[in-house]
């Protein structure tokens, strides 16, 4: 951009220098034809005025384009900020939804664990009762066998002392 600005400035300075050096010829009146009429005016000054007008129009056009781009950039920036805010809100919403989902999953897991603990306790109690009944049956069976053996021993009239002295 600086090279272009330098070139434009150099051209403007050259035109100004040529106008200053040749002011006499530029201000000399001559007969000009406008197409539909003729008039007497300094042709050089008319051309110089048209050149200045063209430069002013070009400068105005450049300023208009620059301001349009600046306004468009500002509008685009506001739209981008609005989109960012919308994306942030959507992301926050997703985080909230995820948090709710995770809480629901944790509650379901807690209920499942409590149910499994109840089932396990019931099963353990059932097994314990079964074990106790078997132990009782075993005790009763052992007692019955011992009772039978005692009856047999008593019927034989065998001395009850197992270790007889010799």
N, C-alpha and C. Protein backbone atom coordinates (compact mmCIF):
# COMPACT_ATOMS: atom_id res chain seq x y z
N UNK A 1 0.83 -1.18 0.00
CA UNK A 1 0.00 0.00 0.00
C UNK A 1 0.88 1.24 0.00
N UNK A 2 2.00 1.22 0.65
CA UNK A 2 2.88 2.39 0.72
C UNK A 2 3.50 2.70 -0.64
N UNK A 3 3.78 1.64 -1.43
CA UNK A 3 4.36 1.87 -2.76
C UNK A 3 3.35 2.58 -3.64
N UNK A 4 2.11 2.14 -3.59
CA UNK A 4 1.06 2.78 -4.40
C UNK A 4 0.85 4.22 -3.97
N UNK A 5 0.84 4.47 -2.67
CA UNK A 5 0.68 5.83 -2.18
C UNK A 5 1.83 6.70 -2.64
N UNK A 6 3.03 6.15 -2.59
CA UNK A 6 4.20 6.90 -3.05
C UNK A 6 4.13 7.23 -4.53
N UNK A 7 3.67 6.28 -5.33
CA UNK A 7 3.56 6.52 -6.78
C UNK A 7 2.51 7.59 -7.06
N UNK A 8 1.36 7.53 -6.40
CA UNK A 8 0.31 8.55 -6.59
C UNK A 8 0.83 9.91 -6.16
N UNK A 9 1.51 9.98 -5.04
CA UNK A 9 2.07 11.25 -4.56
C UNK A 9 3.10 11.80 -5.55
N UNK A 10 3.92 10.93 -6.11
CA UNK A 10 4.92 11.35 -7.10
C UNK A 10 4.24 11.91 -8.34
N UNK A 11 3.18 11.28 -8.82
CA UNK A 11 2.45 11.77 -9.99
C UNK A 11 1.83 13.13 -9.70
N UNK A 12 1.23 13.29 -8.52
CA UNK A 12 0.63 14.59 -8.14
C UNK A 12 1.70 15.67 -8.09
N UNK A 13 2.85 15.34 -7.52
CA UNK A 13 3.95 16.33 -7.46
C UNK A 13 4.45 16.69 -8.86
N UNK A 14 4.54 15.71 -9.75
CA UNK A 14 4.96 16.01 -11.13
C UNK A 14 3.96 16.93 -11.84
N UNK A 15 2.67 16.66 -11.66
CA UNK A 15 1.65 17.52 -12.27
C UNK A 15 1.74 18.92 -11.71
N UNK A 16 1.91 19.05 -10.38
CA UNK A 16 2.02 20.38 -9.76
C UNK A 16 3.28 21.09 -10.24
N UNK A 17 4.40 20.37 -10.38
CA UNK A 17 5.64 21.00 -10.85
C UNK A 17 5.49 21.47 -12.30
N UNK A 18 4.90 20.62 -13.15
CA UNK A 18 4.69 21.02 -14.55
C UNK A 18 3.73 22.21 -14.64
N UNK A 19 2.72 22.25 -13.81
CA UNK A 19 1.78 23.37 -13.82
C UNK A 19 2.47 24.65 -13.38
N UNK A 20 3.35 24.56 -12.36
CA UNK A 20 4.05 25.75 -11.87
C UNK A 20 5.07 26.25 -12.90
N UNK A 21 5.79 25.32 -13.54
CA UNK A 21 6.81 25.72 -14.51
C UNK A 21 6.20 26.27 -15.81
N UNK A 22 5.02 25.78 -16.13
CA UNK A 22 4.39 26.18 -17.40
C UNK A 22 3.11 26.99 -17.15
N UNK A 23 3.09 27.79 -16.12
CA UNK A 23 1.90 28.55 -15.77
C UNK A 23 1.52 29.53 -16.88
N UNK A 24 2.46 30.09 -17.49
CA UNK A 24 2.19 31.06 -18.57
C UNK A 24 1.43 30.40 -19.72
N UNK A 25 1.88 29.23 -20.15
CA UNK A 25 1.20 28.54 -21.24
C UNK A 25 -0.16 28.00 -20.80
N UNK A 26 -0.26 27.60 -19.52
CA UNK A 26 -1.53 27.07 -19.04
C UNK A 26 -2.60 28.16 -18.97
N UNK A 27 -2.20 29.37 -18.66
CA UNK A 27 -3.18 30.44 -18.48
C UNK A 27 -3.42 31.24 -19.76
N UNK A 28 -2.81 30.88 -20.86
CA UNK A 28 -3.01 31.58 -22.13
C UNK A 28 -4.38 31.20 -22.68
N UNK A 29 -5.23 32.18 -22.94
CA UNK A 29 -6.55 31.87 -23.47
C UNK A 29 -6.46 31.41 -24.93
N UNK A 30 -7.28 30.43 -25.27
CA UNK A 30 -7.36 29.95 -26.64
C UNK A 30 -8.82 29.66 -26.95
N UNK A 31 -9.06 29.42 -28.18
CA UNK A 31 -10.44 29.12 -28.59
C UNK A 31 -10.62 27.60 -28.44
N UNK A 32 -11.68 27.22 -27.68
CA UNK A 32 -11.97 25.81 -27.44
C UNK A 32 -13.32 25.49 -28.05
N UNK A 33 -13.43 24.28 -28.54
CA UNK A 33 -14.70 23.82 -29.07
C UNK A 33 -15.30 22.85 -28.06
N UNK A 34 -16.54 23.09 -27.70
CA UNK A 34 -17.25 22.21 -26.78
C UNK A 34 -18.17 21.26 -27.54
N UNK A 35 -18.12 21.25 -28.81
CA UNK A 35 -18.94 20.38 -29.63
C UNK A 35 -20.13 21.13 -30.20
N UNK A 36 -20.86 21.82 -29.39
CA UNK A 36 -22.02 22.56 -29.87
C UNK A 36 -21.78 24.06 -29.88
N UNK A 37 -20.66 24.51 -29.30
CA UNK A 37 -20.30 25.93 -29.32
C UNK A 37 -18.81 26.10 -29.12
N UNK A 38 -18.33 27.26 -29.42
CA UNK A 38 -16.92 27.58 -29.23
C UNK A 38 -16.82 28.69 -28.22
N UNK A 39 -15.74 28.63 -27.43
CA UNK A 39 -15.52 29.68 -26.44
C UNK A 39 -14.04 29.90 -26.23
N UNK A 40 -13.71 31.01 -25.65
CA UNK A 40 -12.31 31.35 -25.42
C UNK A 40 -12.03 31.19 -23.93
N UNK A 41 -11.06 30.31 -23.58
CA UNK A 41 -10.69 30.06 -22.18
C UNK A 41 -9.30 29.44 -22.18
N UNK A 42 -8.60 29.52 -21.05
CA UNK A 42 -7.28 28.91 -20.98
C UNK A 42 -7.43 27.37 -20.94
N UNK A 43 -7.01 26.72 -22.00
CA UNK A 43 -7.16 25.26 -22.13
C UNK A 43 -6.38 24.52 -21.05
N UNK A 44 -5.22 24.97 -20.72
CA UNK A 44 -4.39 24.31 -19.71
C UNK A 44 -5.04 24.31 -18.33
N UNK A 45 -5.64 25.48 -17.96
CA UNK A 45 -6.32 25.56 -16.66
C UNK A 45 -7.57 24.67 -16.64
N UNK A 46 -8.27 24.60 -17.77
CA UNK A 46 -9.44 23.73 -17.84
C UNK A 46 -9.01 22.28 -17.67
N UNK A 47 -7.94 21.88 -18.36
CA UNK A 47 -7.44 20.50 -18.24
C UNK A 47 -6.94 20.23 -16.82
N UNK A 48 -6.25 21.21 -16.22
CA UNK A 48 -5.76 21.06 -14.85
C UNK A 48 -6.94 20.94 -13.87
N UNK A 49 -7.98 21.72 -14.06
CA UNK A 49 -9.17 21.66 -13.21
C UNK A 49 -9.85 20.30 -13.36
N UNK A 50 -9.94 19.79 -14.60
CA UNK A 50 -10.53 18.47 -14.81
C UNK A 50 -9.70 17.37 -14.15
N UNK A 51 -8.37 17.53 -14.20
CA UNK A 51 -7.49 16.55 -13.54
C UNK A 51 -7.69 16.59 -12.03
N UNK A 52 -7.77 17.78 -11.44
CA UNK A 52 -8.00 17.92 -9.99
C UNK A 52 -9.37 17.34 -9.63
N UNK A 53 -10.39 17.62 -10.46
CA UNK A 53 -11.73 17.07 -10.20
C UNK A 53 -11.71 15.55 -10.25
N UNK A 54 -11.00 14.99 -11.23
CA UNK A 54 -10.87 13.55 -11.33
C UNK A 54 -10.17 12.97 -10.10
N UNK A 55 -9.13 13.65 -9.64
CA UNK A 55 -8.42 13.21 -8.44
C UNK A 55 -9.30 13.25 -7.20
N UNK A 56 -10.08 14.34 -7.07
CA UNK A 56 -10.99 14.46 -5.92
C UNK A 56 -12.06 13.37 -5.98
N UNK A 57 -12.61 13.11 -7.19
CA UNK A 57 -13.60 12.04 -7.32
C UNK A 57 -12.99 10.68 -6.98
N UNK A 58 -11.77 10.44 -7.44
CA UNK A 58 -11.09 9.18 -7.11
C UNK A 58 -10.87 9.03 -5.62
N UNK A 59 -10.43 10.12 -4.97
CA UNK A 59 -10.22 10.10 -3.53
C UNK A 59 -11.54 9.86 -2.78
N UNK A 60 -12.61 10.52 -3.24
CA UNK A 60 -13.92 10.32 -2.61
C UNK A 60 -14.37 8.87 -2.78
N UNK A 61 -14.14 8.29 -3.97
CA UNK A 61 -14.52 6.90 -4.21
C UNK A 61 -13.74 5.96 -3.30
N UNK A 62 -12.44 6.20 -3.15
CA UNK A 62 -11.61 5.38 -2.27
C UNK A 62 -12.08 5.49 -0.82
N UNK A 63 -12.40 6.70 -0.37
CA UNK A 63 -12.90 6.89 0.99
C UNK A 63 -14.25 6.18 1.18
N UNK A 64 -15.11 6.27 0.15
CA UNK A 64 -16.41 5.58 0.22
C UNK A 64 -16.20 4.07 0.33
N UNK A 65 -15.32 3.51 -0.49
CA UNK A 65 -15.05 2.07 -0.44
C UNK A 65 -14.48 1.67 0.92
N UNK A 66 -13.56 2.49 1.41
CA UNK A 66 -12.93 2.17 2.69
C UNK A 66 -13.96 2.22 3.83
N UNK A 67 -14.83 3.21 3.82
CA UNK A 67 -15.84 3.30 4.87
C UNK A 67 -16.85 2.15 4.74
N UNK A 68 -17.19 1.77 3.49
CA UNK A 68 -18.10 0.65 3.29
C UNK A 68 -17.48 -0.64 3.82
N UNK A 69 -16.21 -0.86 3.52
CA UNK A 69 -15.52 -2.05 4.01
C UNK A 69 -15.44 -2.03 5.53
N UNK A 70 -15.16 -0.85 6.10
CA UNK A 70 -15.08 -0.73 7.55
C UNK A 70 -16.44 -1.04 8.20
N UNK A 71 -17.52 -0.51 7.64
CA UNK A 71 -18.85 -0.80 8.18
C UNK A 71 -19.21 -2.27 8.01
N UNK A 72 -18.86 -2.85 6.87
CA UNK A 72 -19.13 -4.27 6.62
C UNK A 72 -18.33 -5.13 7.61
N UNK A 73 -17.09 -4.75 7.84
CA UNK A 73 -16.25 -5.48 8.80
C UNK A 73 -16.85 -5.39 10.20
N UNK A 74 -17.32 -4.23 10.57
CA UNK A 74 -17.93 -4.05 11.89
C UNK A 74 -19.20 -4.90 12.00
N UNK A 75 -20.03 -4.89 10.95
CA UNK A 75 -21.26 -5.69 10.96
C UNK A 75 -20.91 -7.18 11.04
N UNK A 76 -19.90 -7.56 10.26
CA UNK A 76 -19.48 -8.97 10.27
C UNK A 76 -18.96 -9.36 11.66
N UNK A 77 -18.22 -8.46 12.29
CA UNK A 77 -17.72 -8.72 13.64
C UNK A 77 -18.85 -8.89 14.64
N UNK A 78 -19.89 -8.05 14.52
CA UNK A 78 -21.04 -8.18 15.41
C UNK A 78 -21.76 -9.50 15.17
N UNK A 79 -21.91 -9.89 13.90
CA UNK A 79 -22.54 -11.17 13.59
C UNK A 79 -21.71 -12.33 14.15
N UNK A 80 -20.41 -12.23 14.01
CA UNK A 80 -19.53 -13.28 14.54
C UNK A 80 -19.65 -13.37 16.06
N UNK A 81 -19.74 -12.21 16.73
CA UNK A 81 -19.89 -12.21 18.18
C UNK A 81 -21.23 -12.82 18.57
N UNK A 82 -22.27 -12.49 17.81
CA UNK A 82 -23.58 -13.08 18.09
C UNK A 82 -23.53 -14.60 17.90
N UNK A 83 -22.84 -15.06 16.85
CA UNK A 83 -22.71 -16.50 16.63
C UNK A 83 -21.90 -17.16 17.74
N UNK A 84 -20.83 -16.47 18.20
CA UNK A 84 -20.04 -17.00 19.31
C UNK A 84 -20.89 -17.12 20.57
N UNK A 85 -21.69 -16.06 20.84
CA UNK A 85 -22.56 -16.10 22.02
C UNK A 85 -23.56 -17.24 21.90
N UNK A 86 -24.12 -17.40 20.72
CA UNK A 86 -25.08 -18.49 20.49
C UNK A 86 -24.41 -19.85 20.69
N UNK A 87 -23.19 -19.99 20.16
CA UNK A 87 -22.46 -21.25 20.33
C UNK A 87 -22.13 -21.49 21.80
N UNK A 88 -21.76 -20.43 22.53
CA UNK A 88 -21.47 -20.57 23.96
C UNK A 88 -22.71 -21.00 24.73
N UNK A 89 -23.86 -20.41 24.37
CA UNK A 89 -25.10 -20.80 25.05
C UNK A 89 -25.45 -22.24 24.73
N UNK A 90 -25.27 -22.63 23.47
CA UNK A 90 -25.56 -24.02 23.09
C UNK A 90 -24.63 -24.98 23.82
N UNK A 91 -23.37 -24.59 23.93
CA UNK A 91 -22.41 -25.44 24.63
C UNK A 91 -22.76 -25.54 26.11
N UNK A 92 -23.15 -24.41 26.71
CA UNK A 92 -23.56 -24.43 28.12
C UNK A 92 -24.80 -25.31 28.28
N UNK A 93 -25.71 -25.22 27.32
CA UNK A 93 -26.91 -26.06 27.35
C UNK A 93 -26.53 -27.53 27.26
N UNK A 94 -25.58 -27.85 26.39
CA UNK A 94 -25.14 -29.25 26.27
C UNK A 94 -24.49 -29.71 27.56
N UNK A 95 -23.70 -28.83 28.20
CA UNK A 95 -23.08 -29.21 29.47
C UNK A 95 -24.14 -29.45 30.54
N UNK A 96 -25.16 -28.60 30.57
CA UNK A 96 -26.24 -28.78 31.54
C UNK A 96 -26.98 -30.08 31.26
N UNK A 97 -27.24 -30.35 29.99
CA UNK A 97 -27.92 -31.59 29.61
C UNK A 97 -27.07 -32.80 29.98
N UNK A 98 -25.76 -32.70 29.73
CA UNK A 98 -24.87 -33.79 30.10
C UNK A 98 -24.86 -34.00 31.61
N UNK A 99 -24.84 -32.92 32.36
CA UNK A 99 -24.85 -33.00 33.82
C UNK A 99 -26.14 -33.69 34.30
N UNK A 100 -27.26 -33.30 33.71
CA UNK A 100 -28.54 -33.91 34.06
C UNK A 100 -28.54 -35.40 33.73
N UNK A 101 -28.02 -35.73 32.56
CA UNK A 101 -27.94 -37.14 32.15
C UNK A 101 -27.07 -37.93 33.10
N UNK A 102 -25.91 -37.38 33.44
CA UNK A 102 -25.00 -38.08 34.35
C UNK A 102 -25.62 -38.24 35.74
N UNK A 103 -26.34 -37.21 36.21
CA UNK A 103 -27.01 -37.33 37.50
C UNK A 103 -28.06 -38.43 37.46
N UNK A 104 -28.83 -38.48 36.37
CA UNK A 104 -29.85 -39.53 36.24
C UNK A 104 -29.20 -40.91 36.20
N UNK A 105 -28.08 -41.03 35.48
CA UNK A 105 -27.38 -42.31 35.43
C UNK A 105 -26.84 -42.70 36.81
N UNK A 106 -26.35 -41.73 37.54
CA UNK A 106 -25.83 -42.01 38.89
C UNK A 106 -26.95 -42.46 39.82
N UNK A 107 -28.11 -41.81 39.72
CA UNK A 107 -29.24 -42.22 40.55
C UNK A 107 -29.69 -43.63 40.18
N UNK A 108 -29.75 -43.92 38.89
CA UNK A 108 -30.15 -45.27 38.45
C UNK A 108 -29.14 -46.31 38.94
N UNK A 109 -27.85 -45.99 38.88
CA UNK A 109 -26.82 -46.90 39.36
C UNK A 109 -26.95 -47.11 40.87
N UNK A 110 -27.22 -46.04 41.59
CA UNK A 110 -27.38 -46.15 43.04
C UNK A 110 -28.57 -47.05 43.38
N UNK A 111 -29.67 -46.88 42.66
CA UNK A 111 -30.84 -47.73 42.89
C UNK A 111 -30.53 -49.19 42.55
N UNK A 112 -29.81 -49.41 41.45
CA UNK A 112 -29.44 -50.78 41.07
C UNK A 112 -28.55 -51.41 42.13
N UNK A 113 -27.58 -50.64 42.63
CA UNK A 113 -26.69 -51.16 43.66
C UNK A 113 -27.48 -51.50 44.92
N UNK A 114 -28.42 -50.63 45.31
CA UNK A 114 -29.22 -50.89 46.51
C UNK A 114 -30.07 -52.14 46.31
N UNK A 115 -30.65 -52.30 45.12
CA UNK A 115 -31.46 -53.48 44.83
C UNK A 115 -30.60 -54.74 44.86
N UNK A 116 -29.41 -54.66 44.27
CA UNK A 116 -28.51 -55.82 44.27
C UNK A 116 -28.07 -56.16 45.69
N UNK A 117 -27.85 -55.13 46.52
CA UNK A 117 -27.48 -55.39 47.91
C UNK A 117 -28.62 -56.08 48.66
N UNK A 118 -29.85 -55.65 48.39
CA UNK A 118 -31.00 -56.29 49.03
C UNK A 118 -31.11 -57.75 48.57
N UNK A 119 -30.95 -57.99 47.28
CA UNK A 119 -31.01 -59.35 46.76
C UNK A 119 -29.90 -60.21 47.37
N UNK A 120 -28.70 -59.63 47.46
CA UNK A 120 -27.57 -60.35 48.04
C UNK A 120 -27.83 -60.67 49.51
N UNK A 121 -28.37 -59.70 50.24
CA UNK A 121 -28.68 -59.94 51.66
C UNK A 121 -29.72 -61.04 51.80
N UNK A 122 -30.75 -61.01 50.95
CA UNK A 122 -31.79 -62.04 51.01
C UNK A 122 -31.19 -63.40 50.69
N UNK A 123 -30.36 -63.47 49.68
CA UNK A 123 -29.72 -64.74 49.29
C UNK A 123 -28.81 -65.25 50.41
N UNK A 124 -28.03 -64.32 51.00
CA UNK A 124 -27.14 -64.71 52.11
C UNK A 124 -27.96 -65.24 53.29
N UNK A 125 -29.09 -64.60 53.58
CA UNK A 125 -29.93 -65.05 54.67
C UNK A 125 -30.52 -66.43 54.36
N UNK A 126 -30.92 -66.63 53.10
CA UNK A 126 -31.46 -67.92 52.68
C UNK A 126 -30.39 -69.00 52.83
N UNK A 127 -29.17 -68.69 52.35
CA UNK A 127 -28.08 -69.65 52.46
C UNK A 127 -27.73 -69.94 53.92
N UNK A 128 -27.76 -68.91 54.74
CA UNK A 128 -27.46 -69.09 56.16
C UNK A 128 -28.52 -69.99 56.82
N UNK A 129 -29.79 -69.75 56.49
CA UNK A 129 -30.85 -70.59 57.05
C UNK A 129 -30.69 -72.03 56.56
N UNK A 130 -30.36 -72.20 55.28
CA UNK A 130 -30.14 -73.54 54.74
C UNK A 130 -28.97 -74.20 55.45
N UNK A 131 -27.89 -73.46 55.65
CA UNK A 131 -26.72 -73.99 56.33
C UNK A 131 -27.07 -74.40 57.77
N UNK A 132 -27.81 -73.57 58.45
CA UNK A 132 -28.19 -73.88 59.84
C UNK A 132 -29.05 -75.14 59.88
N UNK A 133 -29.99 -75.25 58.92
CA UNK A 133 -30.83 -76.44 58.94
C UNK A 133 -30.00 -77.68 58.66
N UNK A 134 -29.03 -77.60 57.78
CA UNK A 134 -28.16 -78.75 57.51
C UNK A 134 -27.30 -79.08 58.72
N UNK A 135 -26.79 -78.03 59.36
CA UNK A 135 -26.00 -78.28 60.57
C UNK A 135 -26.86 -78.95 61.62
N UNK A 136 -28.10 -78.45 61.78
CA UNK A 136 -29.01 -79.07 62.76
C UNK A 136 -29.29 -80.52 62.37
N UNK A 137 -29.53 -80.78 61.08
CA UNK A 137 -29.76 -82.15 60.62
C UNK A 137 -28.54 -83.03 60.89
N UNK A 138 -27.37 -82.44 60.61
CA UNK A 138 -26.14 -83.19 60.85
C UNK A 138 -25.97 -83.48 62.34
N UNK A 139 -26.26 -82.49 63.19
CA UNK A 139 -26.18 -82.71 64.64
C UNK A 139 -27.16 -83.80 65.07
N UNK A 140 -28.37 -83.70 64.52
CA UNK A 140 -29.39 -84.71 64.89
C UNK A 140 -28.97 -86.10 64.41
N UNK A 141 -28.46 -86.18 63.18
CA UNK A 141 -28.03 -87.47 62.64
C UNK A 141 -26.89 -88.03 63.48
N UNK A 142 -25.93 -87.18 63.80
CA UNK A 142 -24.80 -87.62 64.62
C UNK A 142 -25.29 -88.08 65.99
N UNK A 143 -26.21 -87.31 66.58
CA UNK A 143 -26.75 -87.69 67.90
C UNK A 143 -27.49 -89.02 67.80
N UNK A 144 -28.24 -89.22 66.70
CA UNK A 144 -28.98 -90.47 66.52
C UNK A 144 -28.01 -91.63 66.38
N UNK A 145 -26.94 -91.45 65.60
CA UNK A 145 -25.95 -92.52 65.45
C UNK A 145 -25.29 -92.84 66.79
N UNK A 146 -24.94 -91.82 67.52
CA UNK A 146 -24.31 -92.04 68.83
C UNK A 146 -25.29 -92.76 69.75
N UNK A 147 -26.56 -92.35 69.70
CA UNK A 147 -27.58 -93.01 70.52
C UNK A 147 -27.70 -94.48 70.14
N UNK A 148 -27.70 -94.79 68.83
CA UNK A 148 -27.78 -96.18 68.39
C UNK A 148 -26.58 -96.97 68.89
N UNK A 149 -25.40 -96.35 68.75
CA UNK A 149 -24.20 -97.05 69.22
C UNK A 149 -24.27 -97.31 70.73
N UNK A 150 -24.74 -96.36 71.48
CA UNK A 150 -24.86 -96.55 72.94
C UNK A 150 -25.86 -97.68 73.24
N UNK A 151 -26.97 -97.71 72.48
CA UNK A 151 -27.95 -98.79 72.68
C UNK A 151 -27.30 -100.14 72.38
N UNK A 152 -26.57 -100.28 71.35
CA UNK A 152 -25.91 -101.54 71.00
C UNK A 152 -24.93 -101.95 72.10
N UNK A 153 -24.19 -100.95 72.54
CA UNK A 153 -23.20 -101.26 73.59
C UNK A 153 -23.92 -101.72 74.85
N UNK A 154 -24.98 -101.10 75.21
CA UNK A 154 -25.72 -101.49 76.41
C UNK A 154 -26.35 -102.86 76.23
N UNK A 155 -26.80 -103.21 75.07
CA UNK A 155 -27.42 -104.51 74.84
C UNK A 155 -26.39 -105.62 74.90
N UNK A 156 -25.24 -105.43 74.61
CA UNK A 156 -24.20 -106.46 74.61
C UNK A 156 -23.71 -106.75 76.03
N UNK A 157 -23.96 -105.98 76.87
CA UNK A 157 -23.47 -106.09 78.23
C UNK A 157 -21.96 -106.08 78.27
N UNK A 158 -21.45 -105.26 77.53
CA UNK A 158 -20.01 -105.10 77.50
C UNK A 158 -19.67 -104.07 78.57
N UNK A 159 -18.53 -104.29 79.20
CA UNK A 159 -18.20 -103.30 80.22
C UNK A 159 -18.10 -101.91 79.57
N UNK A 160 -18.53 -101.00 80.30
CA UNK A 160 -18.55 -99.64 79.78
C UNK A 160 -17.18 -99.02 79.82
N UNK A 161 -16.32 -99.62 80.62
CA UNK A 161 -14.98 -99.08 80.68
C UNK A 161 -14.21 -99.62 79.49
N UNK A 162 -13.76 -98.84 78.68
CA UNK A 162 -13.06 -99.25 77.49
C UNK A 162 -11.65 -99.70 77.80
N UNK A 163 -11.06 -99.16 78.73
CA UNK A 163 -9.70 -99.51 79.11
C UNK A 163 -9.72 -100.41 80.34
N UNK A 164 -9.93 -101.66 80.17
CA UNK A 164 -9.92 -102.53 81.37
C UNK A 164 -8.49 -102.70 81.88
N UNK A 165 -8.41 -102.78 83.11
CA UNK A 165 -7.07 -102.95 83.71
C UNK A 165 -6.71 -104.42 83.68
N UNK A 166 -5.57 -104.69 83.39
CA UNK A 166 -5.10 -106.05 83.23
C UNK A 166 -4.55 -106.58 84.51
